[in-house]
Amino acid sequence: MIKKDILRTYSLLSGNKIVKIIGCYRSPGVHAIVIFRFGKWLKEKNILLRILLEPVYLLLYHRIRSKWGIQIPRSTIIGEGFYIGHYGGITLSAGAQFGSNVSISQQVTVGISGEGEKCGVPIIGNNVYIAPGAKIFGKIKIGDNVKIGANTVVYKNIPDNSVVVLDPGFKIK
C-alpha cells in the first residue's frame, strides 16, 4: 500500500524523474501516510517488536501532528493511493474509513458526531476529492467518484458520482 500511496503522489507531481522523486521525499503528505502505514503495521506485530518500535512510531506521529498539522490515528482505515495535497489542519477521526484514491486538501476535518445510534464516523468511497476547508462528520456514507467543494459541511449521505458545493448551504449536484 505504501508503494501505491507514494506512486500516486509521484504521478501528480510535475517535472522530470529526479524532481518528482525529490518532491515525494519532501512531501509532508507522503511522510504522514508512511508513518500511518508504519503504525498500522506495527500494531499487528508481536509484543516484543511493538515494545521496541512503539516509541519510534509515537515520536514520528507527534512530529507529523505538531510540525505539519496532520492527524491520522492508526485506527483509521485508509485504502491505497491516499493523497494529501497540502498539509495543515488535517484531522481524520479514529474509525473513519476511506476507499482507494482519495485526495485530501488542507484544513479538512473528518469526524465523529451524533448521539446514541446516530453516533458514528463517515465512510468515504473510492476516487473522492475533498477540497480545502471541507468538514465531514457523522454516521454517513460518501459514495464513489464524489467531489466535495471548498468549505462545505457534509452531514448527510452523498450518492455516487456527485458534486457537493457550498451555495450558501448544502447542495448535491
Foldseek 3Di string as FASTA:
>chain_A
DLVQQLVLQLVPDDDDPVVSVVCSVPDLFSLQVVLLVVVLVLVPDDPVSCVVCVVVSVVSQVCSCPVFNAHDHNQEAEEGREEEDGTEQHAEERPEAEYHNEYEYYNEYFEWDDDDPFTDTEHEYACEYEDAQEYEYTDEYEEYCEYEDHNHYHDYHHYHNWYWYPPPPTDID
